[in-house]
């Protein structure tokens, strides 16, 4: 059974009229997400540089990243249930404090010149568990800190894009002039800042926070979350389609792009390509704030056709300026879809089940990314990287057509306010 879609809000394009976006709560939330993203984007550079310094290779770096992603993808659903049963804000604070402690411990290992792979993997695994507890609360927090949910998502996505651009550059400088341990210590501080900002939030309570502890069991809540997720055709069909997209396009495109551009054009060109992707993502988020369709997923899926330019341009071995232009457009397309998708989830789903619903859709999406990354090597060996990339471009177009062909996705209307809110 489909959820009620509510009213259509505002004009087809243009910002929503109403209270200002930059309330005290939103400023705190914006700071928490921006600072944490800066730290997260610095960490891979520091981790890779630090492990290489101690004689570990690419396989060790991949193992460390996999220990994080495996724990995150495997446990985020349970994080959603815990967030809905208790207090998502307190769970987010606790997760940030755990990550603060783990990153401080990891920095200490690097400072002490005692870097053992299994210990690094264990620390990053705990970080993955903490991230799985933190992430579900993000979905339910946005509607509670901003009346303009789409504007809030657009601003946060823009800031995250800018942090993703700045983070690796800052990390590179810090590694060169200080050490990998110093960068990891900075990452620890970002989690402390995030925890303080979330602690200072003054949020309106959701239903289960005012009615007392739940009497249902953990398993019953888990099953209810799955039933609510499955009952929204527009949601589960997007996730099924997106899983295909992750395996065939998003997973392979990054390693194969690096493999194609670095040997032919060098690291400067590759850095420029990534900068164009980040700049395009920032633009797409800004466009999503300005242009708001009555049918957000239809508009997002239409924009997503631009994503096919990324693998196509690399696979066709276009000149670097042309690749940069295509990837800029693809980044804008991904971000425009992403803001519309996040806003749809946060406004269509009632707050008392939103954390669980968000956890299911995150798990379904994220779980397929490492699968695509793992298959990219064997696929490129069997068919050639160029053909895998061109096939990914075709799949991107098929994904967009598939999204638009599902009536529940195509006809989902934008709502005036988050589900369950009145007035």
Protein backbone atom coordinates (compact mmCIF):
# COMPACT_ATOMS: atom_id res chain seq x y z
CA UNK A 1 0.00 0.00 0.00
CA UNK A 2 1.43 3.36 -1.02
CA UNK A 3 1.76 6.10 1.62
CA UNK A 4 -0.28 9.24 1.36
CA UNK A 5 1.50 11.80 -0.72
CA UNK A 6 -0.09 14.88 0.78
CA UNK A 7 -0.27 18.27 -0.89
CA UNK A 8 1.84 19.63 -3.70
CA UNK A 9 3.95 22.44 -2.36
CA UNK A 10 5.05 25.63 -3.98
CA UNK A 11 5.69 26.44 -7.62
CA UNK A 12 7.31 24.06 -10.09
CA UNK A 13 10.54 26.06 -9.85
CA UNK A 14 11.91 28.50 -7.39
CA UNK A 15 12.63 28.43 -3.69
CA UNK A 16 9.93 27.68 -1.18
CA UNK A 17 8.62 30.71 0.65
CA UNK A 18 8.52 30.56 4.41
CA UNK A 19 10.80 30.74 7.44
CA UNK A 20 14.48 31.23 6.83
CA UNK A 21 16.57 28.13 6.39
CA UNK A 22 19.44 29.18 8.66
CA UNK A 23 17.88 28.62 12.07
CA UNK A 24 20.14 27.95 15.06
CA UNK A 25 19.39 24.22 14.81
CA UNK A 26 20.20 24.07 11.12
CA UNK A 27 23.45 25.99 11.58
CA UNK A 28 24.55 23.44 14.15
CA UNK A 29 23.54 20.51 11.95
CA UNK A 30 25.22 22.08 8.91
CA UNK A 31 28.44 22.58 10.88
CA UNK A 32 28.38 19.00 12.16
CA UNK A 33 27.93 17.49 8.70
CA UNK A 34 30.41 19.81 6.96
CA UNK A 35 33.21 19.34 9.48
CA UNK A 36 32.70 15.57 9.61
CA UNK A 37 32.77 15.36 5.81
CA UNK A 38 36.03 17.32 5.73
CA UNK A 39 37.57 14.81 8.09
CA UNK A 40 36.16 11.82 6.20
CA UNK A 41 37.54 13.10 2.88
CA UNK A 42 40.99 13.60 4.44
CA UNK A 43 41.19 10.13 5.95
CA UNK A 44 41.68 7.96 2.81
CA UNK A 45 44.69 10.06 1.76
CA UNK A 46 46.23 9.86 5.22
CA UNK A 47 45.49 6.15 5.57
CA UNK A 48 46.97 5.27 2.18
CA UNK A 49 50.07 7.41 2.73
CA UNK A 50 50.57 6.09 6.25
CA UNK A 51 50.21 2.41 5.34
CA UNK A 52 52.51 2.77 2.35
CA UNK A 53 55.07 4.42 4.60
CA UNK A 54 55.09 1.32 6.80
CA UNK A 55 55.55 -1.05 3.88
CA UNK A 56 51.95 -2.10 3.28
CA UNK A 57 50.60 -2.24 -0.28
CA UNK A 58 47.35 -1.66 -2.13
CA UNK A 59 45.91 -4.93 -0.84
CA UNK A 60 46.30 -3.78 2.77
CA UNK A 61 44.67 -0.44 1.99
CA UNK A 62 41.74 -2.25 0.39
CA UNK A 63 41.43 -4.55 3.40
CA UNK A 64 41.27 -1.59 5.77
CA UNK A 65 38.57 0.11 3.69
CA UNK A 66 36.64 -3.15 3.37
CA UNK A 67 36.66 -3.65 7.16
CA UNK A 68 34.92 -0.30 7.50
CA UNK A 69 32.41 -0.75 4.68
CA UNK A 70 31.54 -4.32 5.62
CA UNK A 71 30.59 -3.37 9.17
CA UNK A 72 28.71 -0.30 8.00
CA UNK A 73 26.65 -2.07 5.33
CA UNK A 74 25.99 -5.08 7.53
CA UNK A 75 24.80 -3.20 10.61
CA UNK A 76 23.14 0.01 9.37
CA UNK A 77 19.71 -1.69 9.34
CA UNK A 78 20.07 -2.49 13.04
CA UNK A 79 21.15 1.10 13.62
CA UNK A 80 17.86 2.22 12.12
CA UNK A 81 15.87 0.05 14.51
CA UNK A 82 17.84 1.29 17.53
CA UNK A 83 17.38 4.92 16.44
CA UNK A 84 13.61 4.44 16.11
CA UNK A 85 13.32 2.58 19.42
CA UNK A 86 15.26 5.07 21.51
CA UNK A 87 16.69 8.51 20.72
CA UNK A 88 18.38 9.05 17.36
CA UNK A 89 20.14 12.22 18.52
CA UNK A 90 21.77 10.51 21.52
CA UNK A 91 22.75 7.58 19.30
CA UNK A 92 24.44 9.98 16.87
CA UNK A 93 26.33 11.67 19.71
CA UNK A 94 27.49 8.31 21.05
CA UNK A 95 28.61 7.21 17.58
CA UNK A 96 30.62 10.41 17.13
CA UNK A 97 32.31 9.94 20.50
CA UNK A 98 33.23 6.36 19.64
CA UNK A 99 34.74 7.52 16.36
CA UNK A 100 36.59 10.31 18.17
CA UNK A 101 38.13 7.70 20.47
CA UNK A 102 38.98 5.28 17.67
CA UNK A 103 40.61 7.92 15.50
CA UNK A 104 42.60 9.24 18.47
CA UNK A 105 43.79 5.69 19.14
CA UNK A 106 44.75 5.20 15.49
CA UNK A 107 46.61 8.52 15.44
CA UNK A 108 48.46 7.37 18.56
CA UNK A 109 49.57 4.18 16.81
CA UNK A 110 51.00 6.22 13.93
CA UNK A 111 52.69 8.70 16.26
CA UNK A 112 54.24 5.79 18.18
CA UNK A 113 55.46 4.11 14.97
CA UNK A 114 53.50 1.01 15.95
CA UNK A 115 51.28 0.32 12.94
CA UNK A 116 50.03 -3.28 12.76
CA UNK A 117 47.55 -4.13 10.01
CA UNK A 118 45.12 -6.16 12.09
CA UNK A 119 44.91 -3.38 14.66
CA UNK A 120 44.21 -0.79 11.97
CA UNK A 121 41.51 -3.07 10.51
CA UNK A 122 39.94 -3.57 13.95
CA UNK A 123 39.81 0.18 14.58
CA UNK A 124 38.26 0.91 11.19
CA UNK A 125 35.76 -1.91 11.75
CA UNK A 126 34.63 -0.27 15.00
CA UNK A 127 34.37 2.99 13.07
CA UNK A 128 32.14 1.23 10.56
CA UNK A 129 29.87 0.03 13.37
CA UNK A 130 29.69 3.57 14.79
CA UNK A 131 28.90 4.99 11.34
CA UNK A 132 26.09 2.42 11.01
CA UNK A 133 24.62 3.73 14.27
CA UNK A 134 25.01 7.37 13.20
CA UNK A 135 23.71 7.30 9.62
CA UNK A 136 20.02 6.37 10.19
CA UNK A 137 19.51 9.42 12.39
CA UNK A 138 20.54 11.74 9.56
CA UNK A 139 17.28 11.17 7.70
CA UNK A 140 15.03 12.01 10.66
CA UNK A 141 17.15 14.95 11.81
CA UNK A 142 16.88 17.01 8.62
CA UNK A 143 13.07 17.52 8.81
CA UNK A 144 13.45 18.46 12.48
CA UNK A 145 16.06 21.18 11.91
CA UNK A 146 14.65 22.75 8.74
CA UNK A 147 11.19 23.61 7.46
CA UNK A 148 12.57 23.71 3.92
CA UNK A 149 13.75 20.10 3.66
CA UNK A 150 14.84 20.29 0.02
CA UNK A 151 16.74 23.51 0.62
CA UNK A 152 18.45 21.94 3.63
CA UNK A 153 19.47 18.87 1.62
CA UNK A 154 20.76 21.08 -1.18
CA UNK A 155 22.86 23.24 1.15
CA UNK A 156 24.31 20.24 2.99
CA UNK A 157 25.07 18.39 -0.26
CA UNK A 158 26.80 21.50 -1.64
CA UNK A 159 28.91 21.85 1.50
CA UNK A 160 29.79 18.14 1.46
CA UNK A 161 30.89 18.46 -2.16
CA UNK A 162 33.14 21.38 -1.31
CA UNK A 163 34.60 19.50 1.66
CA UNK A 164 35.19 16.47 -0.56
CA UNK A 165 37.16 18.75 -2.89
CA UNK A 166 39.15 20.44 -0.15
CA UNK A 167 39.76 17.42 2.09
CA UNK A 168 42.24 15.44 -0.06
CA UNK A 169 44.23 18.60 -0.86
CA UNK A 170 44.44 19.59 2.81
CA UNK A 171 45.35 16.02 3.77
CA UNK A 172 48.12 15.95 1.17
CA UNK A 173 49.64 19.13 2.57
CA UNK A 174 49.38 17.90 6.16
CA UNK A 175 50.97 14.56 5.29
CA UNK A 176 53.80 16.36 3.49
CA UNK A 177 54.51 18.89 6.22
CA UNK A 178 53.46 16.90 9.30
CA UNK A 179 52.55 13.20 9.21
CA UNK A 180 49.73 10.76 8.48
CA UNK A 181 49.14 10.55 12.22
CA UNK A 182 48.54 14.29 12.32
CA UNK A 183 45.84 14.06 9.65
CA UNK A 184 44.15 11.20 11.51
CA UNK A 185 44.25 13.29 14.70
CA UNK A 186 42.51 16.13 12.83
CA UNK A 187 39.86 13.62 11.69
CA UNK A 188 39.32 12.66 15.34
CA UNK A 189 38.76 16.32 16.22
CA UNK A 190 36.10 16.64 13.50
CA UNK A 191 34.05 13.91 15.19
CA UNK A 192 34.35 15.80 18.47
CA UNK A 193 33.04 18.96 16.80
CA UNK A 194 30.18 16.98 15.26
CA UNK A 195 29.26 15.47 18.64
CA UNK A 196 29.18 18.90 20.31
CA UNK A 197 27.00 20.37 17.54
CA UNK A 198 24.53 17.48 17.67
CA UNK A 199 24.47 17.71 21.49
CA UNK A 200 23.51 21.40 21.25
CA UNK A 201 20.57 20.73 18.91
CA UNK A 202 17.18 21.50 20.40
CA UNK A 203 14.84 19.23 18.47
CA UNK A 204 11.08 18.76 18.69
CA UNK A 205 10.36 15.27 20.05
CA UNK A 206 9.09 12.49 17.82
CA UNK A 207 6.23 10.23 18.86
CA UNK A 208 8.16 7.46 20.62
CA UNK A 209 10.20 9.99 22.63
CA UNK A 210 7.04 11.39 24.25
CA UNK A 211 5.07 8.16 24.76
CA UNK A 212 7.83 6.33 26.62
CA UNK A 213 9.79 3.19 25.79
CA UNK A 214 8.45 0.90 23.11
CA UNK A 215 6.71 -2.28 24.21
CA UNK A 216 7.41 -4.08 20.91
CA UNK A 217 10.44 -6.30 20.52
CA UNK A 218 13.57 -5.47 18.55
CA UNK A 219 12.70 -8.19 16.04
CA UNK A 220 9.16 -6.83 15.64
CA UNK A 221 10.53 -3.36 14.92
CA UNK A 222 12.95 -4.82 12.39
CA UNK A 223 10.12 -6.65 10.64
CA UNK A 224 7.92 -3.55 10.75
CA UNK A 225 10.68 -1.53 9.10
CA UNK A 226 10.98 -4.08 6.31
CA UNK A 227 7.19 -4.17 5.86
CA UNK A 228 7.01 -0.37 5.65
CA UNK A 229 9.93 -0.31 3.20
CA UNK A 230 8.41 -3.05 1.03
CA UNK A 231 5.00 -1.34 1.14
CA UNK A 232 6.32 1.74 -0.65
CA UNK A 233 6.64 0.71 -4.28
CA UNK A 234 8.38 3.92 -5.28
CA UNK A 235 11.08 3.26 -2.69
CA UNK A 236 11.92 -0.41 -3.11
CA UNK A 237 11.84 -0.21 -6.89
CA UNK A 238 14.32 2.68 -6.84
CA UNK A 239 16.62 0.67 -4.55
CA UNK A 240 16.44 -2.45 -6.74
CA UNK A 241 17.28 -0.37 -9.83
CA UNK A 242 19.99 1.49 -7.90
CA UNK A 243 21.63 -1.76 -6.83
CA UNK A 244 22.11 -2.60 -10.51
CA UNK A 245 23.49 0.90 -11.08
CA UNK A 246 25.97 0.48 -8.22
CA UNK A 247 27.28 -2.87 -9.43
CA UNK A 248 27.59 -1.98 -13.10
CA UNK A 249 28.39 1.76 -13.08
CA UNK A 250 29.27 3.39 -9.77
CA UNK A 251 31.43 0.54 -8.49
CA UNK A 252 33.65 0.12 -11.57
CA UNK A 253 33.79 3.73 -12.76
CA UNK A 254 36.23 5.11 -10.15
CA UNK A 255 38.95 2.42 -10.31
CA UNK A 256 38.67 2.09 -14.09
CA UNK A 257 38.83 5.86 -14.59
CA UNK A 258 41.99 5.96 -12.51
CA UNK A 259 43.42 3.09 -14.54
CA UNK A 260 42.66 4.83 -17.83
CA UNK A 261 43.63 8.43 -17.02
CA UNK A 262 46.67 8.07 -14.76
CA UNK A 263 48.90 6.12 -17.19
CA UNK A 264 47.86 8.21 -20.19
CA UNK A 265 47.70 11.72 -18.72
CA UNK A 266 49.29 11.63 -15.27
CA UNK A 267 48.15 12.50 -11.73
CA UNK A 268 47.50 16.19 -12.45
CA UNK A 269 44.90 15.30 -15.06
CA UNK A 270 43.32 12.78 -12.72
CA UNK A 271 43.16 15.37 -9.97
CA UNK A 272 41.53 17.82 -12.36
CA UNK A 273 38.93 15.21 -13.32
CA UNK A 274 38.04 14.62 -9.67
CA UNK A 275 37.84 18.35 -9.04
CA UNK A 276 35.39 18.71 -11.93
CA UNK A 277 33.28 15.92 -10.46
CA UNK A 278 33.17 17.71 -7.10
CA UNK A 279 32.35 21.06 -8.70
CA UNK A 280 29.56 19.47 -10.75
CA UNK A 281 28.15 17.86 -7.62
CA UNK A 282 28.07 21.21 -5.86
CA UNK A 283 26.30 22.81 -8.83
CA UNK A 284 23.74 20.00 -9.00
CA UNK A 285 22.88 20.46 -5.33
CA UNK A 286 22.42 24.21 -5.85
CA UNK A 287 20.19 23.55 -8.87
CA UNK A 288 18.08 21.18 -6.77
CA UNK A 289 17.49 24.01 -4.33
CA UNK A 290 16.37 26.34 -7.12
CA UNK A 291 14.39 24.05 -9.43
CA UNK A 292 11.76 22.03 -7.58
CA UNK A 293 9.44 19.88 -9.63
CA UNK A 294 6.01 18.77 -8.47
CA UNK A 295 7.33 15.29 -9.32
CA UNK A 296 10.80 15.18 -7.72
CA UNK A 297 11.82 11.66 -8.69
CA UNK A 298 10.68 12.19 -12.28
CA UNK A 299 12.80 15.35 -12.47
CA UNK A 300 15.73 13.63 -10.77
CA UNK A 301 15.61 10.60 -13.07
CA UNK A 302 15.44 12.86 -16.12
CA UNK A 303 18.51 14.77 -14.96
CA UNK A 304 20.26 11.47 -14.28
CA UNK A 305 20.59 10.85 -18.03
CA UNK A 306 23.61 13.15 -17.78
CA UNK A 307 25.41 10.55 -15.65
CA UNK A 308 26.02 8.41 -18.76
CA UNK A 309 28.56 10.99 -19.94
CA UNK A 310 31.05 10.02 -17.22
CA UNK A 311 31.85 6.42 -18.23
CA UNK A 312 31.28 7.20 -21.92
CA UNK A 313 33.82 10.04 -22.01
CA UNK A 314 36.53 7.96 -20.31
CA UNK A 315 35.73 4.85 -22.34
CA UNK A 316 35.91 6.78 -25.62
CA UNK A 317 39.32 8.23 -24.62
CA UNK A 318 38.18 11.81 -25.21
CA UNK A 319 40.65 14.65 -24.59
CA UNK A 320 41.04 15.59 -20.94
CA UNK A 321 39.09 18.90 -21.26
CA UNK A 322 36.18 17.01 -22.82
CA UNK A 323 36.30 14.36 -20.10
CA UNK A 324 36.28 17.09 -17.46
CA UNK A 325 33.22 18.71 -19.04
CA UNK A 326 31.36 15.41 -19.24
CA UNK A 327 32.21 14.48 -15.66
CA UNK A 328 31.13 17.94 -14.47
CA UNK A 329 27.70 17.34 -16.04
CA UNK A 330 27.54 13.83 -14.57
CA UNK A 331 28.33 15.15 -11.09
CA UNK A 332 25.57 17.72 -11.38
CA UNK A 333 23.15 15.00 -12.52
CA UNK A 334 24.00 12.71 -9.61
CA UNK A 335 23.61 15.51 -7.06
CA UNK A 336 20.30 16.74 -8.51
CA UNK A 337 18.91 13.22 -8.28
CA UNK A 338 20.42 12.73 -4.81
CA UNK A 339 18.83 15.83 -3.29
CA UNK A 340 15.42 15.00 -4.75
CA UNK A 341 15.69 11.41 -3.55
CA UNK A 342 16.76 12.35 0.00
CA UNK A 343 14.01 14.96 0.23
CA UNK A 344 11.39 12.48 -0.97
CA UNK A 345 12.39 9.91 1.65
CA UNK A 346 12.48 12.49 4.45
CA UNK A 347 9.11 14.04 3.60
CA UNK A 348 7.10 10.99 2.50
CA UNK A 349 7.90 8.71 5.46
CA UNK A 350 6.51 9.36 8.98
CA UNK A 351 9.14 10.24 11.57
CA UNK A 352 8.49 7.25 13.82
CA UNK A 353 9.70 4.81 11.13
CA UNK A 354 11.98 7.09 9.11
CA UNK A 355 15.25 5.91 10.64
CA UNK A 356 14.50 2.27 9.82
CA UNK A 357 13.31 3.08 6.31
CA UNK A 358 16.43 5.15 5.66
CA UNK A 359 18.61 2.34 7.00
CA UNK A 360 17.06 -0.17 4.61
CA UNK A 361 17.54 2.07 1.59
CA UNK A 362 21.13 2.93 2.57
CA UNK A 363 21.98 -0.74 3.10
CA UNK A 364 20.50 -1.70 -0.25
CA UNK A 365 22.45 0.99 -2.07
CA UNK A 366 25.78 0.84 -0.29
CA UNK A 367 26.07 -2.95 -0.15
CA UNK A 368 26.42 -3.19 -3.92
CA UNK A 369 29.16 -0.57 -4.27
CA UNK A 370 32.05 -2.81 -3.06
CA UNK A 371 30.67 -5.63 -5.21
CA UNK A 372 30.98 -3.41 -8.28
CA UNK A 373 34.47 -2.33 -7.22
CA UNK A 374 35.55 -5.94 -6.71
CA UNK A 375 34.17 -7.03 -10.09
CA UNK A 376 35.74 -4.14 -11.99
CA UNK A 377 39.16 -5.81 -12.14
CA UNK A 378 38.01 -9.21 -13.44
CA UNK A 379 35.58 -7.53 -15.87
CA UNK A 380 38.26 -5.24 -17.30
CA UNK A 381 40.65 -8.20 -17.66
CA UNK A 382 38.02 -10.20 -19.50
CA UNK A 383 36.51 -7.48 -21.71
CA UNK A 384 38.83 -4.50 -21.46
CA UNK A 385 38.33 -1.40 -19.31
CA UNK A 386 37.12 0.61 -22.30
CA UNK A 387 34.30 -1.82 -23.04
CA UNK A 388 33.28 -2.07 -19.38
CA UNK A 389 33.04 1.73 -19.19
CA UNK A 390 31.04 1.99 -22.40
CA UNK A 391 28.72 -0.75 -21.17
CA UNK A 392 28.31 1.25 -17.95
CA UNK A 393 27.26 4.25 -20.00
CA UNK A 394 24.57 2.20 -21.70
CA UNK A 395 23.42 0.80 -18.35
CA UNK A 396 23.16 4.37 -17.01
CA UNK A 397 20.67 5.18 -19.75
CA UNK A 398 18.74 1.95 -19.09
CA UNK A 399 18.60 2.82 -15.38
CA UNK A 400 17.08 6.23 -16.13
CA UNK A 401 14.50 4.73 -18.47
CA UNK A 402 13.68 2.09 -15.85
CA UNK A 403 13.16 4.72 -13.15
CA UNK A 404 10.84 6.72 -15.40
CA UNK A 405 8.92 3.62 -16.50
CA UNK A 406 7.67 2.83 -12.96
CA UNK A 407 4.44 4.80 -12.32
CA UNK A 408 5.00 4.87 -8.55
CA UNK A 409 8.36 6.60 -9.09
CA UNK A 410 7.33 8.81 -12.00
CA UNK A 411 4.13 10.06 -10.35
CA UNK A 412 5.32 10.57 -6.76
CA UNK A 413 4.36 14.14 -5.83
CA UNK A 414 6.31 16.57 -3.73
CA UNK A 415 4.67 17.18 -0.35
CA UNK A 416 4.24 20.45 1.48
CA UNK A 417 5.75 19.22 4.76
CA UNK A 418 7.24 16.06 6.23
CA UNK A 419 4.81 13.21 6.78
CA UNK A 420 3.21 13.31 10.18
CA UNK A 421 3.64 17.09 10.62
CA UNK A 422 0.71 19.43 10.73
CA UNK A 423 0.38 23.17 10.65
